[in-house]
Protein backbone atom coordinates (compact mmCIF):
# COMPACT_ATOMS: atom_id res chain seq x y z
CA MET A 1 107.13 35.40 199.54
CA LEU A 2 108.61 32.13 200.69
CA SER A 3 110.88 32.25 203.71
CA LYS A 4 114.35 30.68 203.64
CA ASN A 5 113.22 28.08 206.16
CA ARG A 6 110.20 27.14 204.01
CA ILE A 7 112.40 26.85 200.92
CA LYS A 8 114.87 24.64 202.80
CA TYR A 9 112.03 22.49 204.17
CA ILE A 10 110.47 21.82 200.74
CA ASN A 11 113.79 21.23 199.00
CA SER A 12 114.86 18.73 201.66
CA PHE A 13 112.43 16.17 200.21
CA ALA A 14 114.45 15.95 197.02
CA LEU A 15 116.46 13.42 199.07
CA LYS A 16 115.00 9.93 199.44
CA LYS A 17 116.36 9.57 202.99
CA ASN A 18 114.24 12.55 204.08
CA ARG A 19 111.15 11.29 202.26
CA ASP A 20 111.57 7.95 204.04
CA MET A 21 112.36 9.48 207.42
CA TYR A 22 109.37 11.81 207.55
CA GLY A 23 106.93 9.94 205.31
CA LEU A 24 106.48 12.99 203.08
CA PHE A 25 106.91 13.75 199.38
CA VAL A 26 106.49 16.71 197.04
CA ALA A 27 103.92 16.82 194.23
CA GLU A 28 104.32 19.57 191.63
CA GLY A 29 101.90 20.97 189.08
CA GLY A 30 98.40 22.38 189.30
CA LYS A 31 96.53 19.21 188.35
CA ILE A 32 98.71 16.78 190.32
CA THR A 33 98.52 18.96 193.42
CA ALA A 34 94.73 19.20 193.11
CA ASP A 35 94.37 15.42 192.67
CA CYS A 36 96.52 14.72 195.73
CA LEU A 37 94.60 17.26 197.82
CA ARG A 38 91.44 15.22 197.33
CA THR A 39 92.74 12.19 199.21
CA LEU A 40 96.07 12.91 200.93
CA ARG A 41 97.08 15.03 203.91
CA CYS A 42 98.98 18.14 202.72
CA GLU A 43 101.49 19.50 205.20
CA CYS A 44 102.48 22.52 203.11
CA LEU A 45 100.80 24.03 200.05
CA VAL A 46 102.41 26.73 197.90
CA ALA A 47 100.58 28.09 194.85
CA THR A 48 100.00 31.19 192.79
CA GLU A 49 97.16 33.48 193.74
CA GLU A 50 95.48 32.60 190.44
CA TRP A 51 95.58 28.87 191.20
CA MET A 52 94.30 29.52 194.72
CA ALA A 53 91.36 31.50 193.34
CA GLU A 54 90.47 28.71 190.91
CA ASN A 55 90.79 25.96 193.54
CA GLY A 56 89.70 27.78 196.69
CA GLU A 57 86.79 25.43 197.39
CA LEU A 58 89.03 22.36 197.02
CA VAL A 59 91.67 23.81 199.35
CA ALA A 60 89.06 24.80 201.93
CA GLY A 61 87.69 21.25 202.04
CA ALA A 62 91.07 19.49 202.04
CA ASP A 63 93.27 18.40 204.93
CA VAL A 64 95.91 21.14 204.64
CA GLY A 65 98.43 22.55 207.08
CA ASP A 66 100.41 25.62 206.02
CA VAL A 67 99.24 27.55 202.92
CA THR A 68 101.29 30.16 201.08
CA ALA A 69 100.11 32.16 198.07
CA VAL A 70 102.62 33.79 195.71
CA GLY A 71 102.17 36.27 192.92
CA ALA A 72 103.56 34.32 189.98
CA LYS A 73 104.89 30.90 188.93
CA GLU A 74 108.44 32.21 188.92
CA ASP A 75 108.17 32.63 192.69
CA LEU A 76 108.02 28.82 192.94
CA ARG A 77 111.17 28.20 190.93
CA CYS A 78 113.31 28.11 194.08
CA VAL A 79 111.39 25.04 195.35
CA SER A 80 110.67 23.32 192.03
CA GLN A 81 112.56 20.46 190.40
CA LEU A 82 110.76 20.95 187.08
CA GLN A 83 112.18 22.78 184.08
CA SER A 84 109.22 25.16 184.11
CA ALA A 85 107.97 26.49 187.43
CA PRO A 86 104.54 25.03 188.35
CA SER A 87 101.44 26.93 189.42
CA ALA A 88 101.20 24.87 192.61
CA LEU A 89 103.06 22.30 194.67
CA GLY A 90 102.46 20.56 197.94
CA VAL A 91 104.31 18.54 200.54
CA PHE A 92 102.06 15.52 201.07
CA ARG A 93 102.03 12.71 203.58
CA LYS A 94 102.50 9.30 202.03
CA PRO A 95 99.56 6.88 202.32
CA GLU A 96 99.74 4.59 205.34
CA ASP A 97 102.02 1.65 204.60
CA GLU A 98 99.49 -1.17 204.94
CA PRO A 99 100.49 -4.76 204.13
CA PHE A 100 99.32 -6.09 200.77
CA GLU A 101 96.40 -8.49 201.25
CA LEU A 102 97.61 -11.72 199.67
CA SER A 103 94.10 -12.99 198.97
CA ARG A 104 93.54 -9.95 196.72
CA ALA A 105 95.86 -11.43 194.08
CA ARG A 106 93.48 -14.35 193.58
CA SER A 107 90.37 -12.26 192.99
CA SER A 108 91.61 -9.13 191.20
CA LEU A 109 94.41 -7.83 189.00
CA THR A 110 97.68 -6.61 190.53
CA LEU A 111 100.90 -5.32 188.94
CA ALA A 112 104.36 -6.28 190.19
CA LEU A 113 107.59 -4.53 189.17
CA ASP A 114 110.88 -6.42 189.33
CA THR A 115 113.74 -3.89 189.66
CA VAL A 116 112.25 -1.30 187.30
CA GLN A 117 114.86 1.39 187.84
CA ASP A 118 113.76 4.34 185.74
CA PRO A 119 111.52 6.59 187.89
CA GLY A 120 109.65 7.75 184.79
CA ASN A 121 108.72 4.15 184.00
CA VAL A 122 107.61 3.47 187.58
CA GLY A 123 105.44 6.59 187.61
CA THR A 124 103.95 5.87 184.19
CA ILE A 125 103.09 2.31 185.24
CA VAL A 126 101.28 3.62 188.33
CA ARG A 127 99.34 5.98 186.05
CA THR A 128 98.53 3.03 183.76
CA ALA A 129 97.34 1.02 186.77
CA ALA A 130 94.94 3.82 187.71
CA TRP A 131 93.58 3.99 184.17
CA PHE A 132 92.82 0.27 184.09
CA GLY A 133 91.35 0.19 187.58
CA ILE A 134 94.24 -1.66 189.21
CA GLY A 135 94.47 -0.50 192.80
CA HIS A 136 97.77 -2.07 193.92
CA VAL A 137 101.32 -2.17 192.53
CA LEU A 138 104.00 -4.36 194.16
CA CYS A 139 107.57 -3.10 193.76
CA SER A 140 110.74 -5.01 194.53
CA ARG A 141 113.25 -3.28 196.79
CA GLY A 142 115.39 -2.46 193.76
CA CYS A 143 112.72 -0.39 192.01
CA ALA A 144 112.98 3.38 191.72
CA ASP A 145 111.24 5.38 194.45
CA VAL A 146 107.73 6.24 193.30
CA TYR A 147 107.81 9.31 195.57
CA GLY A 148 110.80 10.89 193.81
CA ALA A 149 110.13 14.02 191.75
CA LYS A 150 110.32 12.40 188.29
CA ALA A 151 108.16 9.44 189.26
CA VAL A 152 105.53 11.60 190.98
CA GLN A 153 105.34 13.78 187.89
CA ALA A 154 104.88 10.73 185.67
CA THR A 155 101.99 9.42 187.80
CA MET A 156 99.96 12.55 186.95
CA GLY A 157 98.15 12.33 190.28
CA ALA A 158 97.53 8.56 190.21
CA LEU A 159 99.30 8.16 193.57
CA ALA A 160 96.11 9.46 195.14
CA GLY A 161 94.27 6.28 194.13
CA VAL A 162 96.86 3.53 193.62
CA ARG A 163 98.65 1.91 196.54
CA VAL A 164 102.32 1.13 195.95
CA HIS A 165 103.94 -1.53 198.16
CA TYR A 166 107.71 -2.09 198.37
CA VAL A 167 108.16 -5.75 199.24
CA ASP A 168 110.43 -8.78 199.08
CA LEU A 169 108.96 -9.66 195.69
CA PRO A 170 109.97 -13.35 195.39
CA GLN A 171 108.64 -14.03 198.89
CA THR A 172 105.40 -12.14 198.24
CA LEU A 173 104.78 -13.95 194.96
CA ARG A 174 105.41 -17.29 196.66
CA GLN A 175 102.83 -16.45 199.31
CA CYS A 176 100.32 -15.29 196.69
CA ARG A 177 100.69 -18.59 194.87
CA LEU A 178 99.82 -20.38 198.14
CA PHE A 179 96.55 -18.44 198.04
CA GLY A 180 95.88 -19.82 194.57
CA ALA A 181 96.88 -16.75 192.55
CA GLU A 182 98.21 -16.98 189.00
CA VAL A 183 101.48 -15.12 188.44
CA TYR A 184 102.07 -13.92 184.87
CA GLY A 185 105.38 -12.72 183.46
CA THR A 186 106.64 -11.58 180.07
CA PHE A 187 109.44 -13.62 178.47
CA LEU A 188 110.89 -14.04 174.99
CA ASP A 189 110.00 -17.75 175.19
CA GLY A 190 106.49 -17.04 176.49
CA ARG A 191 103.20 -17.92 174.82
CA ASN A 192 101.47 -15.40 172.56
CA VAL A 193 99.29 -13.27 174.83
CA TYR A 194 96.69 -12.84 172.07
CA ARG A 195 96.24 -16.59 171.66
CA GLU A 196 96.64 -17.81 175.22
CA GLU A 197 93.58 -18.52 177.36
CA PHE A 198 93.66 -17.05 180.88
CA ALA A 199 91.40 -15.56 183.53
CA PRO A 200 91.57 -11.74 183.84
CA ARG A 201 92.95 -11.77 187.38
CA GLY A 202 96.19 -12.53 189.19
CA ILE A 203 99.57 -10.76 189.26
CA ILE A 204 101.31 -9.38 186.17
CA VAL A 205 105.08 -9.18 186.67
CA MET A 206 107.07 -6.66 184.64
CA GLY A 207 110.85 -6.97 184.57
CA ASN A 208 113.86 -4.69 184.58
CA GLU A 209 114.40 -2.41 181.56
CA GLY A 210 117.58 -4.20 180.48
CA SER A 211 117.55 -7.70 181.93
CA GLY A 212 113.86 -8.49 182.23
CA VAL A 213 112.44 -10.67 185.01
CA SER A 214 115.11 -11.91 187.43
CA GLU A 215 115.64 -15.62 188.07
CA ALA A 216 114.48 -15.28 191.69
CA VAL A 217 111.16 -13.81 190.55
CA ALA A 218 110.81 -16.00 187.45
CA ALA A 219 110.83 -19.05 189.73
CA HIS A 220 107.38 -18.01 190.98
CA VAL A 221 105.83 -17.19 187.59
CA THR A 222 103.14 -19.70 186.68
CA ARG A 223 102.26 -18.39 183.18
CA ARG A 224 104.91 -17.11 180.76
CA LEU A 225 103.55 -14.67 178.16
CA LEU A 226 104.92 -12.91 175.09
CA ILE A 227 103.75 -9.73 173.38
CA PRO A 228 104.61 -10.65 169.77
CA PRO A 229 106.12 -8.09 167.39
CA PHE A 230 104.16 -7.35 164.21
CA GLY A 231 106.81 -5.36 162.38
CA GLU A 232 110.09 -6.54 160.93
CA GLY A 233 113.40 -5.13 162.14
CA GLY A 234 113.55 -1.98 164.28
CA ALA A 235 113.16 -2.24 168.04
CA GLU A 236 114.07 -5.49 169.75
CA SER A 237 111.64 -4.97 172.63
CA LEU A 238 108.95 -2.71 174.05
CA ASN A 239 109.58 -0.15 176.76
CA VAL A 240 108.42 -1.66 180.06
CA SER A 241 105.72 0.95 180.62
CA ALA A 242 104.38 0.45 177.07
CA ALA A 243 104.39 -3.33 177.54
CA THR A 244 102.51 -2.92 180.82
CA ALA A 245 99.79 -0.92 179.07
CA VAL A 246 99.43 -3.59 176.37
CA LEU A 247 99.05 -6.37 178.93
CA CYS A 248 96.64 -4.43 181.13
CA SER A 249 94.47 -3.69 178.10
CA GLU A 250 94.42 -7.35 177.07
CA PHE A 251 93.61 -8.55 180.60
CA ARG A 252 90.79 -6.03 180.92
CA ARG A 253 89.44 -6.97 177.49
CA ARG A 254 89.21 -10.59 178.65
CA GLY A 255 87.32 -9.39 181.71
CA ARG A 256 84.57 -7.89 179.60
């Protein structure tokens, strides 16, 4: 049984100001919780007895503070923000906020998000980054918080391996260019990504869901790309997370 104080403590991290103040966030779901336990400090773990039995070895070897076992998923409903109560959730410490190494942008592939405001899109893009072996995502200050409940859920545990940096994006891109990095962006007047020649490294900038890449960020883009439509009529553009996956796949294909 969860105490009232424990319930209040976990639910407090639904607010961004508390996540920022204490450097903690909540991850919900059996798989996501397990993935985070492998690399992140867990201040508080709550899970069903069944989940504990299946993951006992993982929990024993993880960096965990308080552990509470409950009889059924429904016992977690009071601390869950999901429609269906999860089998496990944890309050995890955010990774240390280390500065992004500017030289990295010249030798590897990095994603940058310019005011992507939907937390589901931000989380899905982090998950996509993990799939394509991209270890760093730069977010402008106007992006949704990747540590919010919806975004964490969309990452499907990828936060354990991808570092997300909230930065002054125009300034960071300017500095990366000084290190010789290419900065790619998607624009309606860009060059066909399937026909353009480019090296499979640099920074890929993805713009806001409605307005695309801002003028302040576009000023630092060195290569303007377009994902061309193949159908007639229908959608006018791709969802930003879908477009990110297309570009990451094409960049990685070039790398092979």
